[in-house]
Protein backbone atom coordinates (compact mmCIF):
# COMPACT_ATOMS: atom_id res chain seq x y z
CA MET A 1 -1.26 140.55 -158.91
CA ASN A 2 -0.09 144.14 -158.83
CA LEU A 3 -0.68 145.75 -155.44
CA LYS A 4 -0.50 149.49 -154.86
CA ILE A 5 -0.92 150.94 -151.37
CA THR A 6 -1.49 154.67 -150.89
CA GLY A 7 -2.28 156.85 -147.92
CA LEU A 8 -4.46 159.95 -147.74
CA HIS A 9 -3.73 162.32 -144.86
CA MET A 10 -1.39 159.72 -143.34
CA GLU A 11 1.96 158.09 -143.90
CA VAL A 12 1.84 154.41 -144.78
CA THR A 13 4.44 152.64 -142.65
CA GLU A 14 6.32 149.46 -143.54
CA ALA A 15 4.31 147.55 -140.91
CA ILE A 16 1.02 148.57 -142.53
CA LYS A 17 2.34 147.73 -146.03
CA THR A 18 3.41 144.29 -144.84
CA TYR A 19 0.07 143.71 -143.10
CA VAL A 20 -1.94 144.67 -146.20
CA THR A 21 0.28 142.56 -148.47
CA GLU A 22 -0.14 139.48 -146.25
CA LYS A 23 -3.92 139.94 -146.09
CA MET A 24 -4.23 140.43 -149.84
CA GLU A 25 -2.46 137.13 -150.53
CA ARG A 26 -5.67 135.45 -149.35
CA ILE A 27 -7.56 137.22 -152.14
CA SER A 28 -5.17 136.05 -154.86
CA ARG A 29 -5.46 132.44 -153.61
CA HIS A 30 -9.24 132.46 -154.11
CA HIS A 31 -9.30 133.89 -157.62
CA ASP A 32 -6.67 133.67 -160.35
CA GLY A 33 -8.18 136.51 -162.39
CA VAL A 34 -7.09 139.37 -160.09
CA ILE A 35 -5.09 141.71 -162.32
CA SER A 36 -4.41 144.65 -160.02
CA THR A 37 -5.45 146.01 -156.65
CA THR A 38 -5.20 149.54 -155.30
CA VAL A 39 -5.63 149.97 -151.54
CA THR A 40 -6.19 153.48 -150.21
CA LEU A 41 -5.87 154.11 -146.47
CA SER A 42 -7.08 157.38 -144.99
CA VAL A 43 -7.84 159.10 -141.70
CA GLU A 44 -10.84 161.39 -141.23
CA LYS A 45 -11.25 162.73 -137.70
CA LEU A 46 -11.76 159.61 -135.57
CA GLN A 47 -12.47 157.24 -138.48
CA GLN A 48 -9.77 155.07 -140.04
CA LYS A 49 -10.87 154.23 -143.58
CA ALA A 50 -9.68 151.57 -145.98
CA ALA A 51 -10.82 151.28 -149.59
CA ALA A 52 -9.83 148.84 -152.32
CA GLN A 53 -10.24 149.03 -156.08
CA VAL A 54 -9.79 145.53 -157.56
CA HIS A 55 -9.51 144.97 -161.29
CA LEU A 56 -10.63 141.43 -162.16
CA ALA A 57 -10.78 139.83 -165.56
CA GLY A 58 -14.11 141.26 -166.77
CA LYS A 59 -15.13 143.29 -163.71
CA ASP A 60 -13.99 146.03 -161.32
CA LEU A 61 -14.85 145.92 -157.62
CA HIS A 62 -14.77 148.85 -155.20
CA ILE A 63 -15.04 148.14 -151.47
CA GLU A 64 -14.84 150.65 -148.57
CA THR A 65 -14.77 150.24 -144.80
CA ALA A 66 -14.41 152.52 -141.78
CA GLU A 67 -13.35 151.50 -138.26
CA ALA A 68 -11.82 153.07 -135.17
CA ASP A 69 -8.53 151.17 -135.75
CA MET A 70 -6.62 150.96 -139.06
CA TYR A 71 -5.80 147.27 -138.66
CA ALA A 72 -9.48 146.51 -137.96
CA ALA A 73 -10.45 148.50 -141.07
CA ILE A 74 -7.99 146.48 -143.16
CA ASP A 75 -9.35 143.19 -141.75
CA THR A 76 -12.93 144.21 -142.51
CA LEU A 77 -11.92 145.36 -146.00
CA VAL A 78 -10.28 142.03 -146.82
CA ASP A 79 -13.30 140.09 -145.50
CA LYS A 80 -15.72 142.11 -147.65
CA LEU A 81 -13.43 141.84 -150.65
CA ASP A 82 -13.10 138.09 -150.19
CA ARG A 83 -16.89 137.66 -150.14
CA ALA A 84 -17.33 139.86 -153.22
CA ILE A 85 -14.69 137.95 -155.19
CA LYS A 86 -16.16 134.57 -154.21
CA GLN A 87 -19.59 135.82 -155.31
CA HIS A 88 -18.19 137.02 -158.64
CA LYS A 89 -16.41 133.69 -159.16
CA GLU A 90 -19.64 131.76 -158.47
CA LYS A 91 -21.54 133.90 -161.00
CA GLN A 92 -18.90 133.19 -163.63
CA GLN A 93 -19.17 129.44 -163.09
CA HIS A 94 -22.95 129.42 -163.66
């Protein structure tokens, strides 16, 4: 899986890159068809936003979250992404 992490209106530190990479490993374990993932982290006033664009074999997913803390936003993003990928995998099996 190719993983690209970008920041809008913020600098993405090594700690955040490592955190996102570790969390995204969970996604690749659940579905083998993940081709590439682009994670965009941004700050707008008091909101920390995380968005992911995931290219699967046959489908693209776009998930966004907003929280008061960047790490919480990343956690929420990965949870939503995990559910969406599981749902897509179940649809493929039927």
